[in-house]
Amino acid sequence: MVLVALVVAQLVLPGIAEQQLRDRLGKSGQVEHVEIHAFPAIELLWHQADRVVVRMGNYHSGTGHLAGLLSEAGKVDSLDASAGTLTAGLLTVHDAVLRKRGDRVTATARVNEADLRSALPVLQSVVPVASGGGALTVRGTATLFGITATVDATVHTQNGQIVVTPDLPFGGFATITVFSNPAVFVTGVAASPAADGFLVTAQGRIN
């Protein structure tokens, strides 16, 4: 009897879990595909899974909701999630991909110049000029304290967050946080040129 119950659970529970996740994600965007694998499936009752695959056309939510989803991802051994357009907090990115293996996560996304200017109004005409050592240097026209000039800014990590600091005297006072999530500790960022902007890669771990 126990064996029969386990077989039924293996057949039924993944489908239920997939529909529940689809419904949750559907409140914040367009869901294209959800796939959940767990063996034994009964571990889904404790919100644990071996592998989850999610594809979304778009995702738009406050950082609080995203934090909850990422926190739950800590119970998933392998996660592959993607979104055509993702907006969280100040920043909008495109072709976003998140991969998790164990507690390590890697995220890539294409950032358009216009989207970056919207997130960082202090900078205009932003282009990447250097990447290395877990940080990214961008160059643009900045207006600060009534003075306009071409300046560099460093995109780097600070206490697990992604921040941007203009490379100016006292630039630390103008530091802007573009990503902060208690569920993820970001360890480094890098970028390469792409059409209308650049491709950003971030690495970190799930807390």
N, C-alpha and C. Protein backbone atom coordinates (compact mmCIF):
# COMPACT_ATOMS: atom_id res chain seq x y z
N MET A 1 0.84 -1.21 0.00
CA MET A 1 0.00 0.00 0.00
C MET A 1 0.87 1.26 0.00
N VAL A 2 1.94 1.21 0.81
CA VAL A 2 2.85 2.36 0.85
C VAL A 2 3.50 2.56 -0.50
N LEU A 3 3.87 1.45 -1.16
CA LEU A 3 4.50 1.53 -2.48
C LEU A 3 3.56 2.16 -3.49
N VAL A 4 2.29 1.78 -3.45
CA VAL A 4 1.30 2.35 -4.36
C VAL A 4 1.16 3.85 -4.13
N ALA A 5 1.14 4.26 -2.85
CA ALA A 5 1.02 5.68 -2.53
C ALA A 5 2.21 6.47 -3.05
N LEU A 6 3.41 5.88 -2.94
CA LEU A 6 4.61 6.56 -3.43
C LEU A 6 4.59 6.69 -4.94
N VAL A 7 4.11 5.66 -5.62
CA VAL A 7 4.01 5.71 -7.09
C VAL A 7 3.02 6.79 -7.52
N VAL A 8 1.88 6.83 -6.85
CA VAL A 8 0.86 7.85 -7.18
C VAL A 8 1.43 9.25 -6.93
N ALA A 9 2.14 9.40 -5.81
CA ALA A 9 2.73 10.71 -5.50
C ALA A 9 3.74 11.12 -6.55
N GLN A 10 4.53 10.15 -7.02
CA GLN A 10 5.53 10.45 -8.05
C GLN A 10 4.88 10.91 -9.34
N LEU A 11 3.71 10.40 -9.64
CA LEU A 11 3.00 10.76 -10.87
C LEU A 11 2.24 12.08 -10.74
N VAL A 12 1.72 12.35 -9.54
CA VAL A 12 0.79 13.47 -9.37
C VAL A 12 1.46 14.73 -8.84
N LEU A 13 2.33 14.60 -7.84
CA LEU A 13 2.86 15.78 -7.16
C LEU A 13 3.64 16.73 -8.07
N PRO A 14 4.50 16.24 -8.99
CA PRO A 14 5.21 17.21 -9.84
C PRO A 14 4.28 18.09 -10.65
N GLY A 15 3.20 17.53 -11.17
CA GLY A 15 2.25 18.32 -11.94
C GLY A 15 1.57 19.38 -11.09
N ILE A 16 1.23 19.02 -9.85
CA ILE A 16 0.62 20.00 -8.94
C ILE A 16 1.60 21.12 -8.62
N ALA A 17 2.86 20.74 -8.33
CA ALA A 17 3.87 21.74 -8.02
C ALA A 17 4.12 22.67 -9.21
N GLU A 18 4.14 22.11 -10.40
CA GLU A 18 4.35 22.93 -11.60
C GLU A 18 3.23 23.95 -11.77
N GLN A 19 1.98 23.52 -11.55
CA GLN A 19 0.85 24.44 -11.71
C GLN A 19 0.87 25.52 -10.64
N GLN A 20 1.25 25.17 -9.42
CA GLN A 20 1.33 26.18 -8.35
C GLN A 20 2.40 27.22 -8.68
N LEU A 21 3.56 26.77 -9.17
CA LEU A 21 4.61 27.72 -9.53
C LEU A 21 4.20 28.56 -10.72
N ARG A 22 3.54 27.96 -11.69
CA ARG A 22 3.05 28.71 -12.86
C ARG A 22 2.09 29.80 -12.42
N ASP A 23 1.19 29.47 -11.49
CA ASP A 23 0.21 30.46 -11.01
C ASP A 23 0.91 31.61 -10.29
N ARG A 24 1.92 31.30 -9.48
CA ARG A 24 2.64 32.35 -8.75
C ARG A 24 3.39 33.27 -9.70
N LEU A 25 4.10 32.68 -10.64
CA LEU A 25 4.87 33.48 -11.59
C LEU A 25 3.95 34.27 -12.53
N GLY A 26 2.80 33.69 -12.83
CA GLY A 26 1.87 34.35 -13.74
C GLY A 26 1.35 35.67 -13.22
N LYS A 27 1.43 35.89 -11.90
CA LYS A 27 1.00 37.16 -11.32
C LYS A 27 1.99 38.28 -11.64
N SER A 28 3.20 37.91 -12.07
CA SER A 28 4.24 38.92 -12.30
C SER A 28 4.76 38.91 -13.73
N GLY A 29 4.15 38.11 -14.60
CA GLY A 29 4.64 38.11 -15.98
C GLY A 29 4.02 37.01 -16.82
N GLN A 30 4.58 36.82 -17.99
CA GLN A 30 4.09 35.84 -18.96
C GLN A 30 4.89 34.55 -18.84
N VAL A 31 4.24 33.49 -18.39
CA VAL A 31 4.91 32.20 -18.20
C VAL A 31 4.81 31.38 -19.49
N GLU A 32 5.94 30.89 -19.97
CA GLU A 32 5.96 30.07 -21.18
C GLU A 32 6.15 28.59 -20.88
N HIS A 33 6.91 28.29 -19.85
CA HIS A 33 7.18 26.87 -19.57
C HIS A 33 7.64 26.71 -18.13
N VAL A 34 7.12 25.68 -17.45
CA VAL A 34 7.55 25.33 -16.10
C VAL A 34 7.73 23.82 -16.04
N GLU A 35 8.84 23.39 -15.47
CA GLU A 35 9.15 21.97 -15.39
C GLU A 35 9.82 21.69 -14.05
N ILE A 36 9.30 20.72 -13.29
CA ILE A 36 9.84 20.38 -11.98
C ILE A 36 10.11 18.89 -11.90
N HIS A 37 11.32 18.54 -11.46
CA HIS A 37 11.70 17.14 -11.30
C HIS A 37 12.09 16.91 -9.84
N ALA A 38 11.59 15.83 -9.25
CA ALA A 38 11.94 15.48 -7.88
C ALA A 38 11.80 13.98 -7.70
N PHE A 39 12.79 13.38 -7.08
CA PHE A 39 12.70 11.96 -6.76
C PHE A 39 13.34 11.72 -5.40
N PRO A 40 12.58 11.18 -4.45
CA PRO A 40 11.15 10.89 -4.58
C PRO A 40 10.33 12.17 -4.59
N ALA A 41 9.20 12.14 -5.27
CA ALA A 41 8.37 13.34 -5.43
C ALA A 41 7.82 13.85 -4.11
N ILE A 42 7.77 12.99 -3.11
CA ILE A 42 7.22 13.42 -1.82
C ILE A 42 8.03 14.56 -1.21
N GLU A 43 9.31 14.74 -1.64
CA GLU A 43 10.11 15.84 -1.12
C GLU A 43 9.54 17.19 -1.54
N LEU A 44 8.67 17.19 -2.55
CA LEU A 44 8.02 18.44 -2.96
C LEU A 44 7.12 18.99 -1.86
N LEU A 45 6.65 18.12 -0.97
CA LEU A 45 5.82 18.57 0.13
C LEU A 45 6.60 19.48 1.07
N TRP A 46 7.94 19.37 1.04
CA TRP A 46 8.80 20.23 1.85
C TRP A 46 9.49 21.28 0.97
N HIS A 47 8.87 21.52 -0.22
CA HIS A 47 9.34 22.53 -1.15
C HIS A 47 10.79 22.29 -1.59
N GLN A 48 11.15 21.03 -1.72
CA GLN A 48 12.47 20.66 -2.21
C GLN A 48 12.32 19.98 -3.57
N ALA A 49 13.31 20.19 -4.45
CA ALA A 49 13.25 19.59 -5.78
C ALA A 49 14.67 19.36 -6.29
N ASP A 50 14.80 18.40 -7.21
CA ASP A 50 16.09 18.12 -7.82
C ASP A 50 16.42 19.12 -8.92
N ARG A 51 15.41 19.44 -9.75
CA ARG A 51 15.66 20.33 -10.89
C ARG A 51 14.39 21.09 -11.25
N VAL A 52 14.56 22.38 -11.52
CA VAL A 52 13.44 23.23 -11.94
C VAL A 52 13.87 24.01 -13.18
N VAL A 53 12.99 24.05 -14.17
CA VAL A 53 13.22 24.82 -15.39
C VAL A 53 12.05 25.79 -15.57
N VAL A 54 12.37 27.06 -15.77
CA VAL A 54 11.34 28.08 -15.95
C VAL A 54 11.72 28.96 -17.13
N ARG A 55 10.77 29.18 -18.04
CA ARG A 55 10.95 30.14 -19.13
C ARG A 55 9.80 31.13 -19.10
N MET A 56 10.14 32.44 -19.11
CA MET A 56 9.13 33.48 -19.09
C MET A 56 9.37 34.47 -20.23
N GLY A 57 8.29 34.96 -20.80
CA GLY A 57 8.42 36.00 -21.82
C GLY A 57 8.84 37.31 -21.19
N ASN A 58 8.26 37.60 -20.02
CA ASN A 58 8.65 38.80 -19.27
C ASN A 58 8.35 38.58 -17.80
N TYR A 59 9.07 39.32 -16.97
CA TYR A 59 8.86 39.24 -15.52
C TYR A 59 9.04 40.64 -14.97
N HIS A 60 8.08 41.08 -14.18
CA HIS A 60 8.14 42.42 -13.60
C HIS A 60 7.63 42.33 -12.17
N SER A 61 8.50 42.66 -11.23
CA SER A 61 8.09 42.56 -9.84
C SER A 61 9.01 43.39 -8.97
N GLY A 62 8.52 43.70 -7.80
CA GLY A 62 9.36 44.37 -6.82
C GLY A 62 10.43 43.43 -6.31
N THR A 63 11.47 43.98 -5.72
CA THR A 63 12.57 43.17 -5.24
C THR A 63 12.15 42.24 -4.10
N GLY A 64 11.09 42.60 -3.37
CA GLY A 64 10.64 41.75 -2.28
C GLY A 64 10.13 40.41 -2.78
N HIS A 65 9.31 40.42 -3.83
CA HIS A 65 8.79 39.18 -4.40
C HIS A 65 9.92 38.35 -4.99
N LEU A 66 10.84 39.02 -5.70
CA LEU A 66 11.97 38.31 -6.28
C LEU A 66 12.82 37.68 -5.19
N ALA A 67 12.98 38.37 -4.07
CA ALA A 67 13.76 37.84 -2.96
C ALA A 67 13.14 36.54 -2.44
N GLY A 68 11.80 36.51 -2.36
CA GLY A 68 11.13 35.31 -1.90
C GLY A 68 11.36 34.13 -2.82
N LEU A 69 11.28 34.37 -4.12
CA LEU A 69 11.51 33.30 -5.09
C LEU A 69 12.95 32.80 -5.04
N LEU A 70 13.90 33.72 -4.93
CA LEU A 70 15.30 33.31 -4.87
C LEU A 70 15.61 32.56 -3.58
N SER A 71 14.96 32.96 -2.50
CA SER A 71 15.16 32.26 -1.24
C SER A 71 14.68 30.81 -1.35
N GLU A 72 13.53 30.61 -1.99
CA GLU A 72 13.01 29.27 -2.19
C GLU A 72 13.91 28.47 -3.13
N ALA A 73 14.59 29.15 -4.05
CA ALA A 73 15.50 28.46 -4.97
C ALA A 73 16.63 27.77 -4.22
N GLY A 74 16.89 28.20 -2.99
CA GLY A 74 17.93 27.57 -2.19
C GLY A 74 17.63 26.11 -1.91
N LYS A 75 16.38 25.70 -2.04
CA LYS A 75 16.00 24.31 -1.79
C LYS A 75 15.99 23.47 -3.07
N VAL A 76 16.42 24.06 -4.18
CA VAL A 76 16.47 23.38 -5.47
C VAL A 76 17.92 23.09 -5.82
N ASP A 77 18.23 21.85 -6.16
CA ASP A 77 19.61 21.50 -6.49
C ASP A 77 20.07 22.15 -7.79
N SER A 78 19.20 22.13 -8.80
CA SER A 78 19.55 22.66 -10.12
C SER A 78 18.40 23.52 -10.64
N LEU A 79 18.70 24.76 -11.01
CA LEU A 79 17.68 25.69 -11.50
C LEU A 79 18.15 26.35 -12.79
N ASP A 80 17.30 26.33 -13.81
CA ASP A 80 17.54 27.04 -15.06
C ASP A 80 16.32 27.90 -15.34
N ALA A 81 16.48 29.22 -15.19
CA ALA A 81 15.37 30.15 -15.38
C ALA A 81 15.77 31.22 -16.39
N SER A 82 14.83 31.63 -17.22
CA SER A 82 15.12 32.66 -18.22
C SER A 82 13.89 33.54 -18.42
N ALA A 83 14.15 34.77 -18.86
CA ALA A 83 13.07 35.72 -19.14
C ALA A 83 13.51 36.63 -20.28
N GLY A 84 12.62 36.85 -21.24
CA GLY A 84 12.94 37.74 -22.34
C GLY A 84 13.21 39.15 -21.86
N THR A 85 12.39 39.63 -20.93
CA THR A 85 12.59 40.94 -20.29
C THR A 85 12.33 40.79 -18.81
N LEU A 86 13.24 41.31 -18.00
CA LEU A 86 13.10 41.21 -16.55
C LEU A 86 13.30 42.59 -15.93
N THR A 87 12.33 43.01 -15.13
CA THR A 87 12.42 44.27 -14.41
C THR A 87 12.30 43.99 -12.92
N ALA A 88 13.33 44.37 -12.17
CA ALA A 88 13.31 44.19 -10.72
C ALA A 88 13.96 45.42 -10.10
N GLY A 89 13.19 46.15 -9.34
CA GLY A 89 13.73 47.37 -8.75
C GLY A 89 13.97 48.42 -9.81
N LEU A 90 15.17 49.01 -9.81
CA LEU A 90 15.48 50.10 -10.72
C LEU A 90 15.82 49.64 -12.13
N LEU A 91 16.25 48.40 -12.28
CA LEU A 91 16.87 47.98 -13.52
C LEU A 91 16.00 47.04 -14.34
N THR A 92 15.99 47.29 -15.67
CA THR A 92 15.37 46.39 -16.64
C THR A 92 16.46 45.78 -17.50
N VAL A 93 16.41 44.45 -17.67
CA VAL A 93 17.39 43.76 -18.50
C VAL A 93 16.66 42.86 -19.49
N HIS A 94 17.39 42.36 -20.47
CA HIS A 94 16.80 41.54 -21.53
C HIS A 94 17.57 40.23 -21.67
N ASP A 95 16.87 39.21 -22.18
CA ASP A 95 17.48 37.88 -22.38
C ASP A 95 18.17 37.41 -21.11
N ALA A 96 17.49 37.53 -19.99
CA ALA A 96 18.05 37.18 -18.69
C ALA A 96 18.05 35.67 -18.49
N VAL A 97 19.16 35.14 -17.99
CA VAL A 97 19.29 33.70 -17.71
C VAL A 97 19.90 33.54 -16.33
N LEU A 98 19.28 32.71 -15.51
CA LEU A 98 19.80 32.40 -14.18
C LEU A 98 20.01 30.90 -14.08
N ARG A 99 21.23 30.49 -13.69
CA ARG A 99 21.54 29.08 -13.50
C ARG A 99 22.05 28.88 -12.07
N LYS A 100 21.53 27.87 -11.42
CA LYS A 100 21.95 27.53 -10.06
C LYS A 100 22.36 26.08 -10.01
N ARG A 101 23.53 25.85 -9.44
CA ARG A 101 24.01 24.49 -9.21
C ARG A 101 24.52 24.45 -7.77
N GLY A 102 23.83 23.70 -6.91
CA GLY A 102 24.16 23.75 -5.50
C GLY A 102 23.79 25.12 -4.96
N ASP A 103 24.73 25.78 -4.26
CA ASP A 103 24.44 27.12 -3.76
C ASP A 103 25.05 28.20 -4.65
N ARG A 104 25.67 27.81 -5.77
CA ARG A 104 26.31 28.76 -6.66
C ARG A 104 25.35 29.18 -7.78
N VAL A 105 25.31 30.47 -8.06
CA VAL A 105 24.43 30.99 -9.11
C VAL A 105 25.23 31.84 -10.09
N THR A 106 24.83 31.76 -11.35
CA THR A 106 25.39 32.61 -12.40
C THR A 106 24.24 33.21 -13.18
N ALA A 107 24.28 34.52 -13.37
CA ALA A 107 23.22 35.21 -14.11
C ALA A 107 23.84 36.00 -15.24
N THR A 108 23.20 35.95 -16.42
CA THR A 108 23.62 36.76 -17.55
C THR A 108 22.41 37.51 -18.09
N ALA A 109 22.65 38.69 -18.61
CA ALA A 109 21.56 39.50 -19.17
C ALA A 109 22.14 40.57 -20.08
N ARG A 110 21.35 40.98 -21.04
CA ARG A 110 21.74 42.07 -21.93
C ARG A 110 21.15 43.37 -21.40
N VAL A 111 22.02 44.36 -21.19
CA VAL A 111 21.59 45.65 -20.66
C VAL A 111 21.67 46.69 -21.77
N ASN A 112 20.53 47.28 -22.10
CA ASN A 112 20.51 48.35 -23.10
C ASN A 112 20.96 49.66 -22.47
N GLU A 113 21.56 50.50 -23.28
CA GLU A 113 22.03 51.80 -22.80
C GLU A 113 20.88 52.62 -22.23
N ALA A 114 19.74 52.59 -22.91
CA ALA A 114 18.59 53.38 -22.45
C ALA A 114 18.10 52.90 -21.09
N ASP A 115 18.08 51.58 -20.87
CA ASP A 115 17.64 51.04 -19.58
C ASP A 115 18.61 51.41 -18.47
N LEU A 116 19.90 51.40 -18.78
CA LEU A 116 20.88 51.75 -17.78
C LEU A 116 20.78 53.23 -17.40
N ARG A 117 20.52 54.08 -18.38
CA ARG A 117 20.35 55.51 -18.09
C ARG A 117 19.13 55.73 -17.20
N SER A 118 18.09 54.93 -17.40
CA SER A 118 16.90 55.08 -16.56
C SER A 118 17.20 54.68 -15.12
N ALA A 119 18.03 53.65 -14.94
CA ALA A 119 18.38 53.19 -13.59
C ALA A 119 19.40 54.11 -12.94
N LEU A 120 20.27 54.73 -13.77
CA LEU A 120 21.34 55.59 -13.25
C LEU A 120 21.25 56.95 -13.93
N PRO A 121 20.31 57.79 -13.52
CA PRO A 121 20.10 59.07 -14.19
C PRO A 121 21.31 60.00 -14.14
N VAL A 122 22.26 59.70 -13.24
CA VAL A 122 23.44 60.55 -13.15
C VAL A 122 24.37 60.34 -14.36
N LEU A 123 24.21 59.19 -15.06
CA LEU A 123 25.05 58.88 -16.20
C LEU A 123 24.25 58.88 -17.49
N GLN A 124 24.87 59.37 -18.58
CA GLN A 124 24.27 59.36 -19.91
C GLN A 124 25.29 58.80 -20.90
N SER A 125 24.79 58.29 -22.05
CA SER A 125 25.66 57.74 -23.09
C SER A 125 26.63 56.73 -22.51
N VAL A 126 26.10 55.74 -21.80
CA VAL A 126 26.94 54.81 -21.06
C VAL A 126 27.46 53.70 -21.97
N VAL A 127 28.78 53.41 -21.89
CA VAL A 127 29.39 52.30 -22.62
C VAL A 127 30.39 51.61 -21.70
N PRO A 128 30.56 50.28 -21.82
CA PRO A 128 31.56 49.58 -21.01
C PRO A 128 32.95 49.82 -21.59
N VAL A 129 33.94 50.05 -20.74
CA VAL A 129 35.30 50.29 -21.23
C VAL A 129 36.31 49.31 -20.65
N ALA A 130 35.98 48.62 -19.58
CA ALA A 130 36.91 47.65 -18.99
C ALA A 130 36.14 46.70 -18.08
N SER A 131 36.65 45.47 -17.97
CA SER A 131 36.03 44.47 -17.12
C SER A 131 37.11 43.55 -16.59
N GLY A 132 37.12 43.32 -15.29
CA GLY A 132 38.11 42.43 -14.70
C GLY A 132 38.13 42.54 -13.20
N GLY A 133 38.62 41.48 -12.55
CA GLY A 133 38.70 41.49 -11.10
C GLY A 133 37.36 41.56 -10.41
N GLY A 134 36.29 41.08 -11.09
CA GLY A 134 34.97 41.09 -10.48
C GLY A 134 34.28 42.43 -10.53
N ALA A 135 34.83 43.38 -11.32
CA ALA A 135 34.23 44.71 -11.42
C ALA A 135 34.14 45.11 -12.89
N LEU A 136 33.33 46.12 -13.16
CA LEU A 136 33.11 46.62 -14.52
C LEU A 136 33.22 48.14 -14.51
N THR A 137 33.95 48.68 -15.48
CA THR A 137 34.06 50.13 -15.61
C THR A 137 33.26 50.59 -16.82
N VAL A 138 32.37 51.56 -16.61
CA VAL A 138 31.58 52.14 -17.70
C VAL A 138 31.92 53.62 -17.81
N ARG A 139 31.70 54.17 -18.99
CA ARG A 139 32.01 55.57 -19.23
C ARG A 139 30.78 56.27 -19.79
N GLY A 140 30.53 57.46 -19.28
CA GLY A 140 29.39 58.21 -19.76
C GLY A 140 29.49 59.66 -19.34
N THR A 141 28.51 60.44 -19.76
CA THR A 141 28.42 61.84 -19.37
C THR A 141 27.62 61.94 -18.09
N ALA A 142 28.21 62.55 -17.08
CA ALA A 142 27.55 62.64 -15.78
C ALA A 142 27.34 64.10 -15.40
N THR A 143 26.22 64.34 -14.74
CA THR A 143 25.93 65.66 -14.19
C THR A 143 25.82 65.51 -12.69
N LEU A 144 26.72 66.15 -11.98
CA LEU A 144 26.76 66.03 -10.53
C LEU A 144 27.09 67.38 -9.94
N PHE A 145 26.25 67.83 -9.00
CA PHE A 145 26.44 69.12 -8.35
C PHE A 145 26.49 70.26 -9.38
N GLY A 146 25.69 70.12 -10.45
CA GLY A 146 25.61 71.16 -11.47
C GLY A 146 26.74 71.16 -12.48
N ILE A 147 27.65 70.21 -12.39
CA ILE A 147 28.78 70.14 -13.32
C ILE A 147 28.61 68.93 -14.22
N THR A 148 28.76 69.14 -15.55
CA THR A 148 28.64 68.07 -16.52
C THR A 148 30.01 67.73 -17.08
N ALA A 149 30.33 66.43 -17.10
CA ALA A 149 31.64 66.00 -17.58
C ALA A 149 31.57 64.54 -17.98
N THR A 150 32.52 64.11 -18.81
CA THR A 150 32.64 62.69 -19.15
C THR A 150 33.45 62.01 -18.06
N VAL A 151 32.84 61.00 -17.45
CA VAL A 151 33.48 60.34 -16.31
C VAL A 151 33.32 58.83 -16.44
N ASP A 152 34.17 58.13 -15.69
CA ASP A 152 34.05 56.69 -15.57
C ASP A 152 33.30 56.38 -14.28
N ALA A 153 32.68 55.22 -14.27
CA ALA A 153 32.03 54.74 -13.05
C ALA A 153 32.32 53.25 -12.92
N THR A 154 32.47 52.81 -11.71
CA THR A 154 32.78 51.40 -11.45
C THR A 154 31.55 50.68 -10.95
N VAL A 155 31.19 49.60 -11.67
CA VAL A 155 30.12 48.70 -11.23
C VAL A 155 30.80 47.56 -10.48
N HIS A 156 30.51 47.42 -9.21
CA HIS A 156 31.21 46.42 -8.41
C HIS A 156 30.29 45.89 -7.33
N THR A 157 30.80 44.95 -6.56
CA THR A 157 30.02 44.38 -5.48
C THR A 157 30.44 45.01 -4.16
N GLN A 158 29.46 45.13 -3.28
CA GLN A 158 29.70 45.70 -1.97
C GLN A 158 28.76 45.04 -0.99
N ASN A 159 29.30 44.23 -0.10
CA ASN A 159 28.48 43.50 0.87
C ASN A 159 27.41 42.65 0.19
N GLY A 160 27.79 42.02 -0.94
CA GLY A 160 26.86 41.15 -1.64
C GLY A 160 25.89 41.86 -2.55
N GLN A 161 25.96 43.19 -2.64
CA GLN A 161 25.09 43.98 -3.52
C GLN A 161 25.88 44.42 -4.75
N ILE A 162 25.16 44.82 -5.80
CA ILE A 162 25.79 45.42 -6.97
C ILE A 162 25.57 46.92 -6.89
N VAL A 163 26.66 47.68 -6.87
CA VAL A 163 26.58 49.13 -6.74
C VAL A 163 27.38 49.79 -7.86
N VAL A 164 27.07 51.06 -8.11
CA VAL A 164 27.79 51.86 -9.10
C VAL A 164 28.34 53.09 -8.40
N THR A 165 29.66 53.31 -8.54
CA THR A 165 30.31 54.45 -7.90
C THR A 165 31.02 55.29 -8.96
N PRO A 166 30.63 56.55 -9.17
CA PRO A 166 31.35 57.41 -10.11
C PRO A 166 32.81 57.58 -9.68
N ASP A 167 33.73 57.51 -10.65
CA ASP A 167 35.16 57.68 -10.36
C ASP A 167 35.49 59.16 -10.31
N LEU A 168 35.00 59.80 -9.26
CA LEU A 168 35.19 61.23 -9.04
C LEU A 168 35.65 61.46 -7.60
N PRO A 169 36.28 62.59 -7.33
CA PRO A 169 36.56 62.91 -5.93
C PRO A 169 35.25 62.90 -5.12
N PHE A 170 35.26 62.22 -4.03
CA PHE A 170 34.06 62.06 -3.20
C PHE A 170 32.94 61.32 -3.93
N GLY A 171 33.33 60.52 -4.96
CA GLY A 171 32.31 59.79 -5.72
C GLY A 171 31.54 58.79 -4.88
N GLY A 172 32.15 58.37 -3.76
CA GLY A 172 31.46 57.42 -2.88
C GLY A 172 30.15 57.95 -2.36
N PHE A 173 30.01 59.27 -2.29
CA PHE A 173 28.76 59.85 -1.81
C PHE A 173 27.64 59.71 -2.85
N ALA A 174 28.03 59.43 -4.11
CA ALA A 174 27.04 59.28 -5.18
C ALA A 174 26.81 57.83 -5.55
N THR A 175 27.28 56.90 -4.73
CA THR A 175 27.11 55.47 -4.99
C THR A 175 25.63 55.11 -5.05
N ILE A 176 25.26 54.35 -6.10
CA ILE A 176 23.88 53.93 -6.30
C ILE A 176 23.82 52.42 -6.27
N THR A 177 22.90 51.85 -5.50
CA THR A 177 22.70 50.41 -5.45
C THR A 177 21.72 50.01 -6.55
N VAL A 178 22.16 49.14 -7.48
CA VAL A 178 21.28 48.73 -8.58
C VAL A 178 20.72 47.33 -8.36
N PHE A 179 21.33 46.55 -7.46
CA PHE A 179 20.77 45.23 -7.13
C PHE A 179 21.11 44.89 -5.69
N SER A 180 20.08 44.58 -4.92
CA SER A 180 20.25 44.18 -3.53
C SER A 180 19.17 43.17 -3.19
N ASN A 181 19.58 41.98 -2.79
CA ASN A 181 18.62 40.93 -2.49
C ASN A 181 19.17 40.08 -1.35
N PRO A 182 18.47 40.00 -0.22
CA PRO A 182 19.00 39.26 0.92
C PRO A 182 19.18 37.77 0.66
N ALA A 183 18.54 37.25 -0.40
CA ALA A 183 18.66 35.82 -0.70
C ALA A 183 19.92 35.50 -1.49
N VAL A 184 20.56 36.52 -2.07
CA VAL A 184 21.72 36.28 -2.94
C VAL A 184 22.87 37.17 -2.51
N PHE A 185 24.07 36.58 -2.40
CA PHE A 185 25.29 37.34 -2.12
C PHE A 185 26.10 37.37 -3.40
N VAL A 186 26.15 38.52 -4.07
CA VAL A 186 26.85 38.65 -5.34
C VAL A 186 28.35 38.79 -5.08
N THR A 187 29.15 38.01 -5.82
CA THR A 187 30.60 38.01 -5.61
C THR A 187 31.38 38.70 -6.73
N GLY A 188 30.77 38.91 -7.90
CA GLY A 188 31.50 39.57 -8.97
C GLY A 188 30.63 39.86 -10.17
N VAL A 189 31.04 40.86 -10.97
CA VAL A 189 30.34 41.21 -12.19
C VAL A 189 31.35 41.41 -13.31
N ALA A 190 30.91 41.17 -14.55
CA ALA A 190 31.76 41.36 -15.72
C ALA A 190 30.84 41.69 -16.89
N ALA A 191 31.41 42.16 -18.00
CA ALA A 191 30.59 42.55 -19.15
C ALA A 191 31.40 42.47 -20.43
N SER A 192 30.66 42.35 -21.54
CA SER A 192 31.26 42.40 -22.88
C SER A 192 30.30 43.17 -23.77
N PRO A 193 30.80 43.82 -24.85
CA PRO A 193 29.93 44.62 -25.71
C PRO A 193 28.85 43.77 -26.39
N ALA A 194 27.68 44.38 -26.60
CA ALA A 194 26.57 43.76 -27.31
C ALA A 194 25.80 44.86 -28.01
N ALA A 195 24.87 44.47 -28.90
CA ALA A 195 24.09 45.44 -29.65
C ALA A 195 23.31 46.35 -28.69
N ASP A 196 23.46 47.67 -28.88
CA ASP A 196 22.73 48.67 -28.08
C ASP A 196 23.05 48.62 -26.59
N GLY A 197 24.19 48.06 -26.23
CA GLY A 197 24.53 47.99 -24.82
C GLY A 197 25.63 46.98 -24.57
N PHE A 198 25.43 46.13 -23.56
CA PHE A 198 26.44 45.12 -23.27
C PHE A 198 25.83 43.94 -22.53
N LEU A 199 26.55 42.83 -22.57
CA LEU A 199 26.12 41.60 -21.91
C LEU A 199 26.80 41.53 -20.55
N VAL A 200 26.01 41.44 -19.50
CA VAL A 200 26.53 41.44 -18.13
C VAL A 200 26.43 40.04 -17.56
N THR A 201 27.47 39.63 -16.86
CA THR A 201 27.49 38.36 -16.13
C THR A 201 27.75 38.63 -14.66
N ALA A 202 26.95 38.04 -13.81
CA ALA A 202 27.14 38.18 -12.36
C ALA A 202 27.20 36.79 -11.74
N GLN A 203 28.07 36.66 -10.74
CA GLN A 203 28.20 35.39 -10.03
C GLN A 203 27.96 35.61 -8.55
N GLY A 204 27.46 34.59 -7.89
CA GLY A 204 27.22 34.72 -6.46
C GLY A 204 26.77 33.40 -5.87
N ARG A 205 26.19 33.49 -4.69
CA ARG A 205 25.71 32.28 -4.02
C ARG A 205 24.40 32.60 -3.32
N ILE A 206 23.59 31.55 -3.16
CA ILE A 206 22.34 31.68 -2.44
C ILE A 206 22.62 31.62 -0.95
N ASN A 207 22.10 32.59 -0.21
CA ASN A 207 22.30 32.59 1.23
C ASN A 207 21.42 31.57 1.93
